[in-house]
Amino acid sequence: RGPEQDTSGQFLEDSAVEAGHNLIARRILPDDVYLIRAIMSQWIADPEIHVVIITG
């Protein structure tokens, strides 16, 4: 799965940017709970990231 198929992720990104928010990071990940948990942990620890939105 890549960016071309991620229409809901693109919609969320476009909506956030149109509303005046800054997008710090966006990732498309495989269904791997350990990888997802590792990325989420990094984002939660990052003081620049105030909100994490997950879709799948």
PDB file of N, CA and C in Angstrom:
ATOM      1  N   ARG A   1       0.854  -1.182   0.000  1.00  0.00           N
ATOM      2  CA  ARG A   1       0.000   0.000   0.000  1.00  0.00           C
ATOM      3  C   ARG A   1       0.889   1.229   0.000  1.00  0.00           C
ATOM      4  N   GLY A   2       0.528   2.192  -0.831  1.00  0.00           N
ATOM      5  CA  GLY A   2       1.322   3.408  -0.925  1.00  0.00           C
ATOM      6  C   GLY A   2       0.453   4.646  -0.892  1.00  0.00           C
ATOM      7  N   PRO A   3       1.052   5.806  -1.111  1.00  0.00           N
ATOM      8  CA  PRO A   3       0.317   7.075  -1.044  1.00  0.00           C
ATOM      9  C   PRO A   3      -0.857   7.154  -2.025  1.00  0.00           C
ATOM     10  N   GLU A   4      -0.733   6.500  -3.170  1.00  0.00           N
ATOM     11  CA  GLU A   4      -1.815   6.560  -4.163  1.00  0.00           C
ATOM     12  C   GLU A   4      -3.105   5.922  -3.646  1.00  0.00           C
ATOM     13  N   GLN A   5      -2.974   4.880  -2.835  1.00  0.00           N
ATOM     14  CA  GLN A   5      -4.143   4.186  -2.301  1.00  0.00           C
ATOM     15  C   GLN A   5      -4.628   4.778  -0.974  1.00  0.00           C
ATOM     16  N   ASP A   6      -3.848   5.624  -0.363  1.00  0.00           N
ATOM     17  CA  ASP A   6      -4.175   6.158   0.962  1.00  0.00           C
ATOM     18  C   ASP A   6      -5.022   7.423   0.846  1.00  0.00           C
ATOM     19  N   THR A   7      -6.234   7.260   0.330  1.00  0.00           N
ATOM     20  CA  THR A   7      -7.084   8.433   0.107  1.00  0.00           C
ATOM     21  C   THR A   7      -7.564   9.051   1.419  1.00  0.00           C
ATOM     22  N   SER A   8      -7.840   8.234   2.429  1.00  0.00           N
ATOM     23  CA  SER A   8      -8.297   8.803   3.702  1.00  0.00           C
ATOM     24  C   SER A   8      -7.170   9.567   4.388  1.00  0.00           C
ATOM     25  N   GLY A   9      -5.949   9.053   4.306  1.00  0.00           N
ATOM     26  CA  GLY A   9      -4.800   9.761   4.876  1.00  0.00           C
ATOM     27  C   GLY A   9      -4.559  11.084   4.177  1.00  0.00           C
ATOM     28  N   GLN A  10      -4.708  11.098   2.856  1.00  0.00           N
ATOM     29  CA  GLN A  10      -4.526  12.334   2.098  1.00  0.00           C
ATOM     30  C   GLN A  10      -5.605  13.344   2.450  1.00  0.00           C
ATOM     31  N   PHE A  11      -6.839  12.853   2.615  1.00  0.00           N
ATOM     32  CA  PHE A  11      -7.931  13.740   3.014  1.00  0.00           C
ATOM     33  C   PHE A  11      -7.643  14.376   4.372  1.00  0.00           C
ATOM     34  N   LEU A  12      -7.192  13.565   5.338  1.00  0.00           N
ATOM     35  CA  LEU A  12      -6.880  14.097   6.668  1.00  0.00           C
ATOM     36  C   LEU A  12      -5.750  15.113   6.602  1.00  0.00           C
ATOM     37  N   GLU A  13      -4.715  14.811   5.826  1.00  0.00           N
ATOM     38  CA  GLU A  13      -3.602  15.754   5.678  1.00  0.00           C
ATOM     39  C   GLU A  13      -4.077  17.065   5.061  1.00  0.00           C
ATOM     40  N   ASP A  14      -4.808  16.976   3.957  1.00  0.00           N
ATOM     41  CA  ASP A  14      -5.296  18.184   3.286  1.00  0.00           C
ATOM     42  C   ASP A  14      -6.186  19.009   4.210  1.00  0.00           C
ATOM     43  N   SER A  15      -7.069  18.349   4.943  1.00  0.00           N
ATOM     44  CA  SER A  15      -7.983  19.052   5.847  1.00  0.00           C
ATOM     45  C   SER A  15      -7.231  19.760   6.964  1.00  0.00           C
ATOM     46  N   ALA A  16      -6.236  19.101   7.532  1.00  0.00           N
ATOM     47  CA  ALA A  16      -5.451  19.710   8.611  1.00  0.00           C
ATOM     48  C   ALA A  16      -4.683  20.924   8.110  1.00  0.00           C
ATOM     49  N   VAL A  17      -4.050  20.793   6.958  1.00  0.00           N
ATOM     50  CA  VAL A  17      -3.271  21.908   6.396  1.00  0.00           C
ATOM     51  C   VAL A  17      -4.196  23.069   6.029  1.00  0.00           C
ATOM     52  N   GLU A  18      -5.345  22.762   5.417  1.00  0.00           N
ATOM     53  CA  GLU A  18      -6.304  23.816   5.062  1.00  0.00           C
ATOM     54  C   GLU A  18      -6.809  24.549   6.300  1.00  0.00           C
ATOM     55  N   ALA A  19      -6.880  23.860   7.432  1.00  0.00           N
ATOM     56  CA  ALA A  19      -7.337  24.467   8.686  1.00  0.00           C
ATOM     57  C   ALA A  19      -6.229  25.253   9.382  1.00  0.00           C
ATOM     58  N   GLY A  20      -5.035  25.272   8.788  1.00  0.00           N
ATOM     59  CA  GLY A  20      -3.950  26.073   9.337  1.00  0.00           C
ATOM     60  C   GLY A  20      -2.978  25.330  10.235  1.00  0.00           C
ATOM     61  N   HIS A  21      -3.087  24.015  10.275  1.00  0.00           N
ATOM     62  CA  HIS A  21      -2.187  23.220  11.114  1.00  0.00           C
ATOM     63  C   HIS A  21      -0.932  22.840  10.329  1.00  0.00           C
ATOM     64  N   ASN A  22       0.148  22.603  11.049  1.00  0.00           N
ATOM     65  CA  ASN A  22       1.395  22.144  10.434  1.00  0.00           C
ATOM     66  C   ASN A  22       1.458  20.629  10.513  1.00  0.00           C
ATOM     67  N   LEU A  23       1.788  20.001   9.402  1.00  0.00           N
ATOM     68  CA  LEU A  23       1.980  18.554   9.386  1.00  0.00           C
ATOM     69  C   LEU A  23       3.452  18.277   9.650  1.00  0.00           C
ATOM     70  N   ILE A  24       3.743  17.610  10.749  1.00  0.00           N
ATOM     71  CA  ILE A  24       5.119  17.310  11.136  1.00  0.00           C
ATOM     72  C   ILE A  24       5.570  15.994  10.522  1.00  0.00           C
ATOM     73  N   ALA A  25       4.692  14.998  10.497  1.00  0.00           N
ATOM     74  CA  ALA A  25       5.075  13.680   9.992  1.00  0.00           C
ATOM     75  C   ALA A  25       3.851  12.945   9.470  1.00  0.00           C
ATOM     76  N   ARG A  26       4.097  12.080   8.507  1.00  0.00           N
ATOM     77  CA  ARG A  26       3.058  11.190   7.993  1.00  0.00           C
ATOM     78  C   ARG A  26       3.748   9.918   7.536  1.00  0.00           C
ATOM     79  N   ARG A  27       3.206   8.787   7.937  1.00  0.00           N
ATOM     80  CA  ARG A  27       3.793   7.501   7.562  1.00  0.00           C
ATOM     81  C   ARG A  27       2.692   6.543   7.137  1.00  0.00           C
ATOM     82  N   ILE A  28       2.997   5.725   6.165  1.00  0.00           N
ATOM     83  CA  ILE A  28       2.144   4.607   5.782  1.00  0.00           C
ATOM     84  C   ILE A  28       2.906   3.355   6.200  1.00  0.00           C
ATOM     85  N   LEU A  29       2.319   2.599   7.123  1.00  0.00           N
ATOM     86  CA  LEU A  29       3.010   1.459   7.712  1.00  0.00           C
ATOM     87  C   LEU A  29       2.274   0.159   7.417  1.00  0.00           C
ATOM     88  N   PRO A  30       3.010  -0.949   7.383  1.00  0.00           N
ATOM     89  CA  PRO A  30       2.348  -2.254   7.266  1.00  0.00           C
ATOM     90  C   PRO A  30       1.643  -2.593   8.580  1.00  0.00           C
ATOM     91  N   ASP A  31       0.794  -3.600   8.537  1.00  0.00           N
ATOM     92  CA  ASP A  31       0.077  -4.034   9.739  1.00  0.00           C
ATOM     93  C   ASP A  31       1.025  -4.814  10.643  1.00  0.00           C
ATOM     94  N   ASP A  32       1.929  -4.086  11.290  1.00  0.00           N
ATOM     95  CA  ASP A  32       2.923  -4.671  12.189  1.00  0.00           C
ATOM     96  C   ASP A  32       2.826  -3.915  13.509  1.00  0.00           C
ATOM     97  N   VAL A  33       2.210  -4.539  14.498  1.00  0.00           N
ATOM     98  CA  VAL A  33       1.935  -3.860  15.762  1.00  0.00           C
ATOM     99  C   VAL A  33       3.205  -3.315  16.404  1.00  0.00           C
ATOM    100  N   TYR A  34       4.316  -4.024  16.290  1.00  0.00           N
ATOM    101  CA  TYR A  34       5.559  -3.576  16.923  1.00  0.00           C
ATOM    102  C   TYR A  34       6.124  -2.342  16.221  1.00  0.00           C
ATOM    103  N   LEU A  35       6.046  -2.310  14.907  1.00  0.00           N
ATOM    104  CA  LEU A  35       6.505  -1.142  14.154  1.00  0.00           C
ATOM    105  C   LEU A  35       5.602   0.058  14.432  1.00  0.00           C
ATOM    106  N   ILE A  36       4.304  -0.166  14.417  1.00  0.00           N
ATOM    107  CA  ILE A  36       3.362   0.922  14.701  1.00  0.00           C
ATOM    108  C   ILE A  36       3.609   1.477  16.103  1.00  0.00           C
ATOM    109  N   ARG A  37       3.794   0.600  17.063  1.00  0.00           N
ATOM    110  CA  ARG A  37       4.051   1.038  18.439  1.00  0.00           C
ATOM    111  C   ARG A  37       5.356   1.827  18.534  1.00  0.00           C
ATOM    112  N   ALA A  38       6.379   1.407  17.821  1.00  0.00           N
ATOM    113  CA  ALA A  38       7.667   2.114  17.845  1.00  0.00           C
ATOM    114  C   ALA A  38       7.531   3.522  17.265  1.00  0.00           C
ATOM    115  N   ILE A  39       6.848   3.648  16.140  1.00  0.00           N
ATOM    116  CA  ILE A  39       6.663   4.968  15.516  1.00  0.00           C
ATOM    117  C   ILE A  39       5.809   5.855  16.417  1.00  0.00           C
ATOM    118  N   MET A  40       4.717   5.314  16.962  1.00  0.00           N
ATOM    119  CA  MET A  40       3.861   6.102  17.853  1.00  0.00           C
ATOM    120  C   MET A  40       4.644   6.575  19.072  1.00  0.00           C
ATOM    121  N   SER A  41       5.488   5.730  19.623  1.00  0.00           N
ATOM    122  CA  SER A  41       6.299   6.111  20.787  1.00  0.00           C
ATOM    123  C   SER A  41       7.234   7.263  20.455  1.00  0.00           C
ATOM    124  N   GLN A  42       7.825   7.229  19.261  1.00  0.00           N
ATOM    125  CA  GLN A  42       8.700   8.328  18.830  1.00  0.00           C
ATOM    126  C   GLN A  42       7.909   9.620  18.708  1.00  0.00           C
ATOM    127  N   TRP A  43       6.747   9.546  18.094  1.00  0.00           N
ATOM    128  CA  TRP A  43       5.943  10.751  17.902  1.00  0.00           C
ATOM    129  C   TRP A  43       5.451  11.304  19.237  1.00  0.00           C
ATOM    130  N   ILE A  44       5.026  10.439  20.136  1.00  0.00           N
ATOM    131  CA  ILE A  44       4.554  10.889  21.446  1.00  0.00           C
ATOM    132  C   ILE A  44       5.669  11.590  22.215  1.00  0.00           C
ATOM    133  N   ALA A  45       6.889  11.127  22.056  1.00  0.00           N
ATOM    134  CA  ALA A  45       8.036  11.718  22.761  1.00  0.00           C
ATOM    135  C   ALA A  45       8.530  13.007  22.116  1.00  0.00           C
ATOM    136  N   ASP A  46       8.089  13.313  20.913  1.00  0.00           N
ATOM    137  CA  ASP A  46       8.549  14.494  20.179  1.00  0.00           C
ATOM    138  C   ASP A  46       7.770  15.728  20.641  1.00  0.00           C
ATOM    139  N   PRO A  47       8.438  16.731  21.224  1.00  0.00           N
ATOM    140  CA  PRO A  47       7.723  17.913  21.719  1.00  0.00           C
ATOM    141  C   PRO A  47       7.107  18.765  20.606  1.00  0.00           C
ATOM    142  N   GLU A  48       7.511  18.568  19.377  1.00  0.00           N
ATOM    143  CA  GLU A  48       6.938  19.317  18.250  1.00  0.00           C
ATOM    144  C   GLU A  48       5.586  18.752  17.813  1.00  0.00           C
ATOM    145  N   ILE A  49       5.303  17.518  18.190  1.00  0.00           N
ATOM    146  CA  ILE A  49       4.060  16.860  17.778  1.00  0.00           C
ATOM    147  C   ILE A  49       3.060  16.956  18.920  1.00  0.00           C
ATOM    148  N   HIS A  50       1.932  17.620  18.655  1.00  0.00           N
ATOM    149  CA  HIS A  50       0.913  17.829  19.681  1.00  0.00           C
ATOM    150  C   HIS A  50      -0.266  16.879  19.527  1.00  0.00           C
ATOM    151  N   VAL A  51      -0.480  16.371  18.315  1.00  0.00           N
ATOM    152  CA  VAL A  51      -1.612  15.489  18.042  1.00  0.00           C
ATOM    153  C   VAL A  51      -1.142  14.370  17.127  1.00  0.00           C
ATOM    154  N   VAL A  52      -1.617  13.164  17.389  1.00  0.00           N
ATOM    155  CA  VAL A  52      -1.359  12.023  16.511  1.00  0.00           C
ATOM    156  C   VAL A  52      -2.715  11.503  16.051  1.00  0.00           C
ATOM    157  N   ILE A  53      -2.902  11.409  14.739  1.00  0.00           N
ATOM    158  CA  ILE A  53      -4.133  10.870  14.163  1.00  0.00           C
ATOM    159  C   ILE A  53      -3.761   9.583  13.437  1.00  0.00           C
ATOM    160  N   ILE A  54      -4.479   8.520  13.757  1.00  0.00           N
ATOM    161  CA  ILE A  54      -4.211   7.214  13.152  1.00  0.00           C
ATOM    162  C   ILE A  54      -5.455   6.765  12.394  1.00  0.00           C
ATOM    163  N   THR A  55      -5.260   6.260  11.194  1.00  0.00           N
ATOM    164  CA  THR A  55      -6.351   5.682  10.418  1.00  0.00           C
ATOM    165  C   THR A  55      -5.851   4.387   9.802  1.00  0.00           C
ATOM    166  N   GLY A  56      -6.742   3.514   9.478  1.00  0.00           N
ATOM    167  CA  GLY A  56      -6.278   2.254   8.907  1.00  0.00           C
ATOM    168  C   GLY A  56      -7.396   1.475   8.289  1.00  0.00           C
TER     169      GLY A  56
END
